Amino acid sequence: MGRRNQFQPPEHHQLLHPVAVPEERAFLASFEHQYGTTHPFFYSCSFMQALKIAEDDHKLMFLYLHSPEHPFTPSFCSTTLCSELVVQFLEANFVSWGAIAERGEGLQMAATLQPAAFPFCAVIAPAASNSIAVLQKMEGPIDPAELVEILQRTIEEQGSAFGTSARGRINEEERIRARGKEEEKLRADRRLREEQDAAYFAALRRDQEKEKLRNARAQKPAEAKQPGKPRQSSTAQGKDTQILIRFPSGATREQSFSSTDKILSVYRYIDSLGLAGIGNYRLISSFPKRVYSVDQMGMSLKDAGLYPRASLFVELL
């Protein structure tokens, strides 16, 4: 088991001028590539920028130096650092910053803090004259519960001296959890309302379609015909289009129309048959499949592609 500081007085370190960090996101990219995206929120910025964020938020900084080749690193990252307990605790109480120990600012911080073992974590607070106070070091493998316990004691024993409040941090964690549950409930309620609205409007559109069909067919009286006695197919002058009509029952009727007749004429013909069970319906062609409904009633049979012969199916609504 790694070495733990026994809450000694804070170590103060004078910082060198930060080196240029063109690879500020290198640590995060490397970490997520190997361990996924469930991890503490590491700020992708320079060390000093993260320290300033911590100071502005009245929080301490949690620093992690990542040594990819160390044998204890994989288990520490996957089991401890990415555990839900540690992620939530750090999110509520710290500003987290990480770097690769062998390059850039990570190498500089390793030279400053002199880790005795890896994995290496530290609790940092800003101090006067461009220096930092190291409130706690955690060196070597450590399990999630032990890490949280050490961090909690550090906050309680030394955090107030650097502008933090242990009680406030704990309450903040509880508020974050409550807020997360409330937001999830709001999202679920919103999804339910959207689904209900979609079902309502779909039913409304179907009802409107039926009403349009009834109104369109009622604009002119149906041709006088006895129920069940349709007009016979005709090849009279001008009747140059043959329409085969298939009904849901399997019955078929063929009727002659003029190519200039409107699709409404086909609807009127079907209505004139007075067939049982035929209420609201629409006409559909099979090849190619096309629906001839209210919006197409004013279209001529020729323009609709139903000339000189076509087959239409009666689909009940």
C-alpha atoms as a PDB file:
ATOM      1  CA  MET A   1       0.000   0.000   0.000  1.00  0.00           C
ATOM      2  CA  GLY A   2       1.314   3.430  -0.842  1.00  0.00           C
ATOM      3  CA  ARG A   3       2.482   6.104   1.581  1.00  0.00           C
ATOM      4  CA  ARG A   4      -0.047   8.575   3.021  1.00  0.00           C
ATOM      5  CA  ASN A   5       0.896  11.875   4.623  1.00  0.00           C
ATOM      6  CA  GLN A   6      -0.399  12.082   8.186  1.00  0.00           C
ATOM      7  CA  PHE A   7      -1.852  15.543   7.734  1.00  0.00           C
ATOM      8  CA  GLN A   8       1.383  17.391   8.294  1.00  0.00           C
ATOM      9  CA  PRO A   9       1.512  21.169   8.006  1.00  0.00           C
ATOM     10  CA  PRO A  10       1.119  22.304   4.389  1.00  0.00           C
ATOM     11  CA  GLU A  11       4.239  22.271   2.251  1.00  0.00           C
ATOM     12  CA  HIS A  12       4.845  25.523   0.398  1.00  0.00           C
ATOM     13  CA  HIS A  13       6.521  25.424  -2.990  1.00  0.00           C
ATOM     14  CA  GLN A  14       7.670  28.363  -5.075  1.00  0.00           C
ATOM     15  CA  LEU A  15       6.496  27.803  -8.622  1.00  0.00           C
ATOM     16  CA  LEU A  16       8.808  28.207 -11.572  1.00  0.00           C
ATOM     17  CA  HIS A  17       7.464  30.088 -14.525  1.00  0.00           C
ATOM     18  CA  PRO A  18       5.071  27.625 -16.190  1.00  0.00           C
ATOM     19  CA  VAL A  19       6.441  25.976 -19.281  1.00  0.00           C
ATOM     20  CA  ALA A  20       4.562  26.309 -22.529  1.00  0.00           C
ATOM     21  CA  VAL A  21       1.920  23.605 -22.763  1.00  0.00           C
ATOM     22  CA  PRO A  22       0.910  23.046 -26.384  1.00  0.00           C
ATOM     23  CA  GLU A  23      -0.425  19.658 -25.318  1.00  0.00           C
ATOM     24  CA  GLU A  24      -2.814  20.870 -22.588  1.00  0.00           C
ATOM     25  CA  ARG A  25      -5.337  18.275 -23.679  1.00  0.00           C
ATOM     26  CA  ALA A  26      -2.846  15.451 -24.154  1.00  0.00           C
ATOM     27  CA  PHE A  27      -3.487  13.989 -20.703  1.00  0.00           C
ATOM     28  CA  LEU A  28      -7.268  13.993 -21.081  1.00  0.00           C
ATOM     29  CA  ALA A  29      -7.135  12.484 -24.574  1.00  0.00           C
ATOM     30  CA  SER A  30      -4.757   9.736 -23.412  1.00  0.00           C
ATOM     31  CA  PHE A  31      -6.813   9.039 -20.285  1.00  0.00           C
ATOM     32  CA  GLU A  32     -10.160   8.822 -22.090  1.00  0.00           C
ATOM     33  CA  HIS A  33      -8.670   6.650 -24.837  1.00  0.00           C
ATOM     34  CA  GLN A  34      -7.748   4.009 -22.269  1.00  0.00           C
ATOM     35  CA  TYR A  35     -10.343   4.430 -19.497  1.00  0.00           C
ATOM     36  CA  GLY A  36     -13.394   6.014 -21.126  1.00  0.00           C
ATOM     37  CA  THR A  37     -15.239   9.242 -20.416  1.00  0.00           C
ATOM     38  CA  THR A  38     -16.532   8.464 -16.917  1.00  0.00           C
ATOM     39  CA  HIS A  39     -13.957  10.191 -14.744  1.00  0.00           C
ATOM     40  CA  PRO A  40     -13.490  13.341 -12.641  1.00  0.00           C
ATOM     41  CA  PHE A  41     -13.895  16.578 -14.584  1.00  0.00           C
ATOM     42  CA  PHE A  42     -10.284  17.492 -15.356  1.00  0.00           C
ATOM     43  CA  TYR A  43      -9.892  21.064 -16.539  1.00  0.00           C
ATOM     44  CA  SER A  44      -8.105  21.171 -19.919  1.00  0.00           C
ATOM     45  CA  CYS A  45      -6.014  24.228 -19.154  1.00  0.00           C
ATOM     46  CA  SER A  46      -2.701  25.166 -17.583  1.00  0.00           C
ATOM     47  CA  PHE A  47      -2.008  24.452 -13.932  1.00  0.00           C
ATOM     48  CA  MET A  48      -2.139  28.138 -13.000  1.00  0.00           C
ATOM     49  CA  GLN A  49      -5.437  28.615 -14.807  1.00  0.00           C
ATOM     50  CA  ALA A  50      -6.959  25.673 -12.956  1.00  0.00           C
ATOM     51  CA  LEU A  51      -5.588  27.013  -9.669  1.00  0.00           C
ATOM     52  CA  LYS A  52      -7.233  30.374 -10.398  1.00  0.00           C
ATOM     53  CA  ILE A  53     -10.544  28.626 -11.093  1.00  0.00           C
ATOM     54  CA  ALA A  54     -10.266  26.821  -7.754  1.00  0.00           C
ATOM     55  CA  GLU A  55      -9.531  30.082  -5.962  1.00  0.00           C
ATOM     56  CA  ASP A  56     -12.488  31.845  -7.619  1.00  0.00           C
ATOM     57  CA  ASP A  57     -14.801  28.940  -6.718  1.00  0.00           C
ATOM     58  CA  HIS A  58     -13.476  28.842  -3.120  1.00  0.00           C
ATOM     59  CA  LYS A  59     -12.402  25.245  -3.589  1.00  0.00           C
ATOM     60  CA  LEU A  60      -9.177  23.304  -3.235  1.00  0.00           C
ATOM     61  CA  MET A  61      -7.451  21.717  -6.224  1.00  0.00           C
ATOM     62  CA  PHE A  62      -7.183  17.963  -6.680  1.00  0.00           C
ATOM     63  CA  LEU A  63      -4.013  17.271  -8.685  1.00  0.00           C
ATOM     64  CA  TYR A  64      -3.313  13.949 -10.390  1.00  0.00           C
ATOM     65  CA  LEU A  65       0.011  13.136 -12.083  1.00  0.00           C
ATOM     66  CA  HIS A  66      -0.541  10.351 -14.601  1.00  0.00           C
ATOM     67  CA  SER A  67       2.264   7.854 -15.212  1.00  0.00           C
ATOM     68  CA  PRO A  68       0.938   5.619 -18.026  1.00  0.00           C
ATOM     69  CA  GLU A  69       3.735   3.044 -17.822  1.00  0.00           C
ATOM     70  CA  HIS A  70       3.568   2.485 -14.061  1.00  0.00           C
ATOM     71  CA  PRO A  71       2.174  -0.984 -13.179  1.00  0.00           C
ATOM     72  CA  PHE A  72      -0.276   0.383 -10.584  1.00  0.00           C
ATOM     73  CA  THR A  73      -1.719   3.020 -12.913  1.00  0.00           C
ATOM     74  CA  PRO A  74      -4.342   0.925 -14.792  1.00  0.00           C
ATOM     75  CA  SER A  75      -6.023  -0.467 -11.678  1.00  0.00           C
ATOM     76  CA  PHE A  76      -5.929   2.911  -9.901  1.00  0.00           C
ATOM     77  CA  CYS A  77      -7.493   4.724 -12.849  1.00  0.00           C
ATOM     78  CA  SER A  78     -10.203   2.187 -13.635  1.00  0.00           C
ATOM     79  CA  THR A  79     -11.093   1.148 -10.081  1.00  0.00           C
ATOM     80  CA  THR A  80     -10.464   4.258  -7.988  1.00  0.00           C
ATOM     81  CA  LEU A  81     -10.286   7.412 -10.070  1.00  0.00           C
ATOM     82  CA  CYS A  82     -13.217   6.447 -12.311  1.00  0.00           C
ATOM     83  CA  SER A  83     -15.438   5.118  -9.520  1.00  0.00           C
ATOM     84  CA  GLU A  84     -18.774   6.888  -9.079  1.00  0.00           C
ATOM     85  CA  LEU A  85     -17.973   7.640  -5.425  1.00  0.00           C
ATOM     86  CA  VAL A  86     -14.733   9.463  -6.272  1.00  0.00           C
ATOM     87  CA  VAL A  87     -16.138  11.208  -9.362  1.00  0.00           C
ATOM     88  CA  GLN A  88     -19.103  12.655  -7.455  1.00  0.00           C
ATOM     89  CA  PHE A  89     -17.022  13.669  -4.436  1.00  0.00           C
ATOM     90  CA  LEU A  90     -14.406  15.475  -6.524  1.00  0.00           C
ATOM     91  CA  GLU A  91     -17.087  17.178  -8.619  1.00  0.00           C
ATOM     92  CA  ALA A  92     -18.749  18.547  -5.486  1.00  0.00           C
ATOM     93  CA  ASN A  93     -15.672  19.581  -3.546  1.00  0.00           C
ATOM     94  CA  PHE A  94     -12.650  20.183  -5.785  1.00  0.00           C
ATOM     95  CA  VAL A  95     -11.374  21.637  -9.007  1.00  0.00           C
ATOM     96  CA  SER A  96      -9.525  18.705 -10.612  1.00  0.00           C
ATOM     97  CA  TRP A  97      -6.465  18.994 -12.828  1.00  0.00           C
ATOM     98  CA  GLY A  98      -4.310  16.253 -14.305  1.00  0.00           C
ATOM     99  CA  ALA A  99      -1.197  15.940 -16.422  1.00  0.00           C
ATOM    100  CA  ILE A 100       1.180  13.300 -17.730  1.00  0.00           C
ATOM    101  CA  ALA A 101       4.097  13.106 -15.314  1.00  0.00           C
ATOM    102  CA  GLU A 102       6.727  12.672 -18.033  1.00  0.00           C
ATOM    103  CA  ARG A 103       5.944  15.713 -20.187  1.00  0.00           C
ATOM    104  CA  GLY A 104       5.068  19.403 -20.160  1.00  0.00           C
ATOM    105  CA  GLU A 105       3.586  20.858 -17.004  1.00  0.00           C
ATOM    106  CA  GLY A 106       3.202  17.364 -15.575  1.00  0.00           C
ATOM    107  CA  LEU A 107       6.984  16.948 -15.665  1.00  0.00           C
ATOM    108  CA  GLN A 108       7.424  20.363 -14.061  1.00  0.00           C
ATOM    109  CA  MET A 109       4.946  19.550 -11.272  1.00  0.00           C
ATOM    110  CA  ALA A 110       6.660  16.190 -10.681  1.00  0.00           C
ATOM    111  CA  ALA A 111       9.962  18.043 -10.255  1.00  0.00           C
ATOM    112  CA  THR A 112       8.302  20.462  -7.828  1.00  0.00           C
ATOM    113  CA  LEU A 113       6.344  17.932  -5.757  1.00  0.00           C
ATOM    114  CA  GLN A 114       8.882  15.052  -5.893  1.00  0.00           C
ATOM    115  CA  PRO A 115       6.455  12.070  -5.811  1.00  0.00           C
ATOM    116  CA  ALA A 116       7.813   9.142  -3.823  1.00  0.00           C
ATOM    117  CA  ALA A 117       5.556   6.686  -5.669  1.00  0.00           C
ATOM    118  CA  PHE A 118       2.873   6.456  -8.307  1.00  0.00           C
ATOM    119  CA  PRO A 119      -0.062   6.802  -8.674  1.00  0.00           C
ATOM    120  CA  PHE A 120       0.367  10.311  -7.245  1.00  0.00           C
ATOM    121  CA  CYS A 121      -2.375  12.704  -6.162  1.00  0.00           C
ATOM    122  CA  ALA A 122      -2.218  15.882  -4.119  1.00  0.00           C
ATOM    123  CA  VAL A 123      -4.508  18.500  -2.622  1.00  0.00           C
ATOM    124  CA  ILE A 124      -3.287  21.966  -3.579  1.00  0.00           C
ATOM    125  CA  ALA A 125      -4.231  25.445  -2.412  1.00  0.00           C
ATOM    126  CA  PRO A 126      -2.970  28.811  -3.681  1.00  0.00           C
ATOM    127  CA  ALA A 127      -0.530  30.652  -1.448  1.00  0.00           C
ATOM    128  CA  ALA A 128       1.111  34.058  -1.436  1.00  0.00           C
ATOM    129  CA  SER A 129       3.892  35.211  -3.772  1.00  0.00           C
ATOM    130  CA  ASN A 130       3.120  32.923  -6.702  1.00  0.00           C
ATOM    131  CA  SER A 131       3.483  29.773  -4.606  1.00  0.00           C
ATOM    132  CA  ILE A 132       1.272  26.839  -3.717  1.00  0.00           C
ATOM    133  CA  ALA A 133       0.479  24.993  -0.513  1.00  0.00           C
ATOM    134  CA  VAL A 134       0.436  21.199  -0.697  1.00  0.00           C
ATOM    135  CA  LEU A 135      -2.131  20.194   1.905  1.00  0.00           C
ATOM    136  CA  GLN A 136      -2.027  16.452   1.276  1.00  0.00           C
ATOM    137  CA  LYS A 137      -0.177  13.882  -0.818  1.00  0.00           C
ATOM    138  CA  MET A 138      -1.468  10.432  -1.741  1.00  0.00           C
ATOM    139  CA  GLU A 139       1.233   8.181  -3.175  1.00  0.00           C
ATOM    140  CA  GLY A 140       0.782   4.629  -4.391  1.00  0.00           C
ATOM    141  CA  PRO A 141      -2.365   2.516  -4.920  1.00  0.00           C
ATOM    142  CA  ILE A 142      -5.456   3.425  -2.918  1.00  0.00           C
ATOM    143  CA  ASP A 143      -9.084   2.292  -3.017  1.00  0.00           C
ATOM    144  CA  PRO A 144     -12.032   4.663  -3.629  1.00  0.00           C
ATOM    145  CA  ALA A 145     -13.346   4.757  -0.054  1.00  0.00           C
ATOM    146  CA  GLU A 146      -9.896   5.464   1.404  1.00  0.00           C
ATOM    147  CA  LEU A 147      -9.243   8.233  -1.123  1.00  0.00           C
ATOM    148  CA  VAL A 148     -12.539   9.943  -0.319  1.00  0.00           C
ATOM    149  CA  GLU A 149     -11.884   9.590   3.422  1.00  0.00           C
ATOM    150  CA  ILE A 150      -8.466  11.260   3.108  1.00  0.00           C
ATOM    151  CA  LEU A 151      -9.866  14.065   0.960  1.00  0.00           C
ATOM    152  CA  GLN A 152     -12.742  14.624   3.377  1.00  0.00           C
ATOM    153  CA  ARG A 153     -10.390  14.857   6.368  1.00  0.00           C
ATOM    154  CA  THR A 154      -8.163  17.256   4.445  1.00  0.00           C
ATOM    155  CA  ILE A 155     -11.127  19.552   3.819  1.00  0.00           C
ATOM    156  CA  GLU A 156     -12.266  19.367   7.432  1.00  0.00           C
ATOM    157  CA  GLU A 157      -8.839  19.901   8.995  1.00  0.00           C
ATOM    158  CA  GLN A 158      -7.206  22.327   6.605  1.00  0.00           C
ATOM    159  CA  GLY A 159      -9.783  23.488   4.080  1.00  0.00           C
ATOM    160  CA  SER A 160     -11.258  26.297   6.181  1.00  0.00           C
ATOM    161  CA  ALA A 161      -7.850  27.965   6.368  1.00  0.00           C
ATOM    162  CA  PHE A 162      -7.910  28.321   2.593  1.00  0.00           C
ATOM    163  CA  GLY A 163     -11.454  29.618   2.189  1.00  0.00           C
ATOM    164  CA  THR A 164     -13.393  26.354   2.001  1.00  0.00           C
ATOM    165  CA  SER A 165     -16.084  24.878   4.194  1.00  0.00           C
ATOM    166  CA  ALA A 166     -16.357  21.152   4.793  1.00  0.00           C
ATOM    167  CA  ARG A 167     -20.016  21.384   5.681  1.00  0.00           C
ATOM    168  CA  GLY A 168     -20.686  23.499   2.637  1.00  0.00           C
ATOM    169  CA  ARG A 169     -18.933  21.020   0.361  1.00  0.00           C
ATOM    170  CA  ILE A 170     -20.950  18.101   1.754  1.00  0.00           C
ATOM    171  CA  ASN A 171     -24.191  20.032   1.341  1.00  0.00           C
ATOM    172  CA  GLU A 172     -23.151  20.923  -2.182  1.00  0.00           C
ATOM    173  CA  GLU A 173     -22.736  17.238  -3.023  1.00  0.00           C
ATOM    174  CA  GLU A 174     -26.236  16.539  -1.715  1.00  0.00           C
ATOM    175  CA  ARG A 175     -27.634  19.450  -3.709  1.00  0.00           C
ATOM    176  CA  ILE A 176     -25.961  18.151  -6.882  1.00  0.00           C
ATOM    177  CA  ARG A 177     -27.546  14.736  -6.425  1.00  0.00           C
ATOM    178  CA  ALA A 178     -30.975  16.246  -5.716  1.00  0.00           C
ATOM    179  CA  ARG A 179     -30.670  18.563  -8.695  1.00  0.00           C
ATOM    180  CA  GLY A 180     -29.708  15.639 -10.939  1.00  0.00           C
ATOM    181  CA  LYS A 181     -32.780  13.662  -9.849  1.00  0.00           C
ATOM    182  CA  GLU A 182     -35.038  16.671 -10.386  1.00  0.00           C
ATOM    183  CA  GLU A 183     -33.623  17.312 -13.865  1.00  0.00           C
ATOM    184  CA  GLU A 184     -34.107  13.656 -14.803  1.00  0.00           C
ATOM    185  CA  LYS A 185     -37.739  13.830 -13.619  1.00  0.00           C
ATOM    186  CA  LEU A 186     -38.301  16.972 -15.696  1.00  0.00           C
ATOM    187  CA  ARG A 187     -36.808  15.269 -18.762  1.00  0.00           C
ATOM    188  CA  ALA A 188     -39.045  12.222 -18.265  1.00  0.00           C
ATOM    189  CA  ASP A 189     -42.135  14.430 -17.875  1.00  0.00           C
ATOM    190  CA  ARG A 190     -41.208  16.363 -21.009  1.00  0.00           C
ATOM    191  CA  ARG A 191     -40.747  13.142 -23.018  1.00  0.00           C
ATOM    192  CA  LEU A 192     -44.152  11.893 -21.833  1.00  0.00           C
ATOM    193  CA  ARG A 193     -45.854  15.153 -22.829  1.00  0.00           C
ATOM    194  CA  GLU A 194     -44.199  15.054 -26.255  1.00  0.00           C
ATOM    195  CA  GLU A 195     -45.364  11.467 -26.828  1.00  0.00           C
ATOM    196  CA  GLN A 196     -48.911  12.337 -25.732  1.00  0.00           C
ATOM    197  CA  ASP A 197     -48.954  15.419 -27.967  1.00  0.00           C
ATOM    198  CA  ALA A 198     -47.700  13.395 -30.938  1.00  0.00           C
ATOM    199  CA  ALA A 199     -50.441  10.780 -30.451  1.00  0.00           C
ATOM    200  CA  TYR A 200     -53.100  13.493 -30.090  1.00  0.00           C
ATOM    201  CA  PHE A 201     -52.064  15.362 -33.240  1.00  0.00           C
ATOM    202  CA  ALA A 202     -51.827  12.119 -35.238  1.00  0.00           C
ATOM    203  CA  ALA A 203     -55.413  11.262 -34.259  1.00  0.00           C
ATOM    204  CA  LEU A 204     -56.493  14.829 -35.047  1.00  0.00           C
ATOM    205  CA  ARG A 205     -54.942  14.630 -38.515  1.00  0.00           C
ATOM    206  CA  ARG A 206     -56.754  11.357 -39.203  1.00  0.00           C
ATOM    207  CA  ASP A 207     -60.079  12.900 -38.157  1.00  0.00           C
ATOM    208  CA  GLN A 208     -59.444  15.962 -40.327  1.00  0.00           C
ATOM    209  CA  GLU A 209     -58.629  13.731 -43.301  1.00  0.00           C
ATOM    210  CA  LYS A 210     -61.898  11.850 -42.857  1.00  0.00           C
ATOM    211  CA  GLU A 211     -63.841  15.113 -42.606  1.00  0.00           C
ATOM    212  CA  LYS A 212     -62.209  16.483 -45.767  1.00  0.00           C
ATOM    213  CA  LEU A 213     -63.126  13.333 -47.651  1.00  0.00           C
ATOM    214  CA  ARG A 214     -66.755  13.543 -46.517  1.00  0.00           C
ATOM    215  CA  ASN A 215     -67.004  17.220 -47.454  1.00  0.00           C
ATOM    216  CA  ALA A 216     -65.352  16.770 -50.840  1.00  0.00           C
ATOM    217  CA  ARG A 217     -67.667  13.936 -51.839  1.00  0.00           C
ATOM    218  CA  ALA A 218     -70.733  15.820 -50.590  1.00  0.00           C
ATOM    219  CA  GLN A 219     -70.084  18.969 -52.648  1.00  0.00           C
ATOM    220  CA  LYS A 220     -72.152  17.569 -55.548  1.00  0.00           C
ATOM    221  CA  PRO A 221     -74.949  15.010 -55.288  1.00  0.00           C
ATOM    222  CA  ALA A 222     -74.033  11.463 -56.129  1.00  0.00           C
ATOM    223  CA  GLU A 223     -75.202  10.204 -59.479  1.00  0.00           C
ATOM    224  CA  ALA A 224     -78.618   8.655 -59.203  1.00  0.00           C
ATOM    225  CA  LYS A 225     -78.066   4.943 -58.977  1.00  0.00           C
ATOM    226  CA  GLN A 226     -79.862   2.106 -57.241  1.00  0.00           C
ATOM    227  CA  PRO A 227     -77.818   0.563 -54.405  1.00  0.00           C
ATOM    228  CA  GLY A 228     -75.871  -2.419 -55.594  1.00  0.00           C
ATOM    229  CA  LYS A 229     -76.507  -1.685 -59.287  1.00  0.00           C
ATOM    230  CA  PRO A 230     -73.444   0.137 -60.651  1.00  0.00           C
ATOM    231  CA  ARG A 231     -73.209   1.504 -64.135  1.00  0.00           C
ATOM    232  CA  GLN A 232     -71.933  -0.975 -66.619  1.00  0.00           C
ATOM    233  CA  SER A 233     -68.565  -0.552 -68.245  1.00  0.00           C
ATOM    234  CA  SER A 234     -68.857   1.627 -71.296  1.00  0.00           C
ATOM    235  CA  THR A 235     -66.782   2.365 -74.331  1.00  0.00           C
ATOM    236  CA  ALA A 236     -68.941   5.311 -75.345  1.00  0.00           C
ATOM    237  CA  GLN A 237     -67.355   8.288 -77.033  1.00  0.00           C
ATOM    238  CA  GLY A 238     -65.013  10.120 -74.662  1.00  0.00           C
ATOM    239  CA  LYS A 239     -64.768   7.240 -72.182  1.00  0.00           C
ATOM    240  CA  ASP A 240     -61.126   6.437 -72.881  1.00  0.00           C
ATOM    241  CA  THR A 241     -59.934   5.400 -69.435  1.00  0.00           C
ATOM    242  CA  GLN A 242     -60.646   2.077 -67.717  1.00  0.00           C
ATOM    243  CA  ILE A 243     -60.353   1.961 -63.912  1.00  0.00           C
ATOM    244  CA  LEU A 244     -60.410  -1.355 -62.055  1.00  0.00           C
ATOM    245  CA  ILE A 245     -61.471  -0.794 -58.443  1.00  0.00           C
ATOM    246  CA  ARG A 246     -60.606  -3.380 -55.784  1.00  0.00           C
ATOM    247  CA  PHE A 247     -62.522  -3.409 -52.486  1.00  0.00           C
ATOM    248  CA  PRO A 248     -61.341  -4.682 -49.069  1.00  0.00           C
ATOM    249  CA  SER A 249     -63.783  -7.587 -49.384  1.00  0.00           C
ATOM    250  CA  GLY A 250     -61.953  -8.809 -52.477  1.00  0.00           C
ATOM    251  CA  ALA A 251     -64.690  -7.699 -54.877  1.00  0.00           C
ATOM    252  CA  THR A 252     -63.735  -5.732 -57.977  1.00  0.00           C
ATOM    253  CA  ARG A 253     -65.572  -3.305 -60.252  1.00  0.00           C
ATOM    254  CA  GLU A 254     -64.436  -1.837 -63.533  1.00  0.00           C
ATOM    255  CA  GLN A 255     -65.705   1.484 -64.818  1.00  0.00           C
ATOM    256  CA  SER A 256     -64.995   3.681 -67.818  1.00  0.00           C
ATOM    257  CA  PHE A 257     -64.124   7.344 -67.380  1.00  0.00           C
ATOM    258  CA  SER A 258     -62.876  10.147 -69.548  1.00  0.00           C
ATOM    259  CA  SER A 259     -59.191  10.924 -69.159  1.00  0.00           C
ATOM    260  CA  THR A 260     -60.236  14.488 -68.307  1.00  0.00           C
ATOM    261  CA  ASP A 261     -62.496  13.373 -65.456  1.00  0.00           C
ATOM    262  CA  LYS A 262     -61.296  14.240 -61.992  1.00  0.00           C
ATOM    263  CA  ILE A 263     -60.333  11.746 -59.326  1.00  0.00           C
ATOM    264  CA  LEU A 264     -63.402  13.034 -57.506  1.00  0.00           C
ATOM    265  CA  SER A 265     -65.446  11.257 -60.208  1.00  0.00           C
ATOM    266  CA  VAL A 266     -64.030   7.922 -59.086  1.00  0.00           C
ATOM    267  CA  TYR A 267     -65.014   8.693 -55.487  1.00  0.00           C
ATOM    268  CA  ARG A 268     -68.547   9.596 -56.622  1.00  0.00           C
ATOM    269  CA  TYR A 269     -68.806   6.394 -58.592  1.00  0.00           C
ATOM    270  CA  ILE A 270     -67.803   4.313 -55.562  1.00  0.00           C
ATOM    271  CA  ASP A 271     -70.256   6.226 -53.352  1.00  0.00           C
ATOM    272  CA  SER A 272     -73.017   5.536 -55.878  1.00  0.00           C
ATOM    273  CA  LEU A 273     -72.547   1.805 -55.418  1.00  0.00           C
ATOM    274  CA  GLY A 274     -73.950   1.977 -51.889  1.00  0.00           C
ATOM    275  CA  LEU A 275     -71.862  -0.973 -50.778  1.00  0.00           C
ATOM    276  CA  ALA A 276     -72.144  -2.034 -47.146  1.00  0.00           C
ATOM    277  CA  GLY A 277     -69.133  -1.329 -44.951  1.00  0.00           C
ATOM    278  CA  ILE A 278     -67.745   1.399 -47.199  1.00  0.00           C
ATOM    279  CA  GLY A 279     -67.670   4.578 -45.118  1.00  0.00           C
ATOM    280  CA  ASN A 280     -64.580   6.748 -45.027  1.00  0.00           C
ATOM    281  CA  TYR A 281     -61.848   5.588 -47.364  1.00  0.00           C
ATOM    282  CA  ARG A 282     -59.103   6.660 -49.696  1.00  0.00           C
ATOM    283  CA  LEU A 283     -57.831   5.358 -53.031  1.00  0.00           C
ATOM    284  CA  ILE A 284     -54.376   3.876 -53.531  1.00  0.00           C
ATOM    285  CA  SER A 285     -52.594   2.714 -56.677  1.00  0.00           C
ATOM    286  CA  SER A 286     -50.154  -0.185 -56.421  1.00  0.00           C
ATOM    287  CA  PHE A 287     -47.590   0.365 -59.169  1.00  0.00           C
ATOM    288  CA  PRO A 288     -46.267   2.846 -58.391  1.00  0.00           C
ATOM    289  CA  LYS A 289     -47.811   3.105 -54.943  1.00  0.00           C
ATOM    290  CA  ARG A 290     -49.557   6.433 -54.590  1.00  0.00           C
ATOM    291  CA  VAL A 291     -52.371   7.785 -52.422  1.00  0.00           C
ATOM    292  CA  TYR A 292     -55.210   9.745 -54.059  1.00  0.00           C
ATOM    293  CA  SER A 293     -56.941  11.590 -51.251  1.00  0.00           C
ATOM    294  CA  VAL A 294     -58.465  15.028 -50.631  1.00  0.00           C
ATOM    295  CA  ASP A 295     -55.546  16.982 -52.040  1.00  0.00           C
ATOM    296  CA  GLN A 296     -55.657  15.074 -55.347  1.00  0.00           C
ATOM    297  CA  MET A 297     -59.435  15.128 -55.970  1.00  0.00           C
ATOM    298  CA  GLY A 298     -59.175  18.004 -58.442  1.00  0.00           C
ATOM    299  CA  MET A 299     -56.531  16.241 -60.546  1.00  0.00           C
ATOM    300  CA  SER A 300     -57.533  14.700 -63.885  1.00  0.00           C
ATOM    301  CA  LEU A 301     -57.136  10.961 -64.337  1.00  0.00           C
ATOM    302  CA  LYS A 302     -54.616  11.542 -67.097  1.00  0.00           C
ATOM    303  CA  ASP A 303     -52.509  13.915 -65.009  1.00  0.00           C
ATOM    304  CA  ALA A 304     -52.689  11.469 -62.121  1.00  0.00           C
ATOM    305  CA  GLY A 305     -51.155   8.732 -64.277  1.00  0.00           C
ATOM    306  CA  LEU A 306     -54.352   6.654 -64.366  1.00  0.00           C
ATOM    307  CA  TYR A 307     -54.708   6.705 -68.171  1.00  0.00           C
ATOM    308  CA  PRO A 308     -55.526   4.651 -70.208  1.00  0.00           C
ATOM    309  CA  ARG A 309     -55.868   1.803 -67.671  1.00  0.00           C
ATOM    310  CA  ALA A 310     -55.260   1.666 -63.951  1.00  0.00           C
ATOM    311  CA  SER A 311     -56.081  -0.312 -60.833  1.00  0.00           C
ATOM    312  CA  LEU A 312     -57.091   1.378 -57.567  1.00  0.00           C
ATOM    313  CA  PHE A 313     -57.554  -0.139 -54.113  1.00  0.00           C
ATOM    314  CA  VAL A 314     -60.140   1.148 -51.617  1.00  0.00           C
ATOM    315  CA  GLU A 315     -58.445   1.533 -48.220  1.00  0.00           C
ATOM    316  CA  LEU A 316     -60.818   2.121 -45.321  1.00  0.00           C
ATOM    317  CA  LEU A 317     -59.989   4.837 -42.793  1.00  0.00           C
END
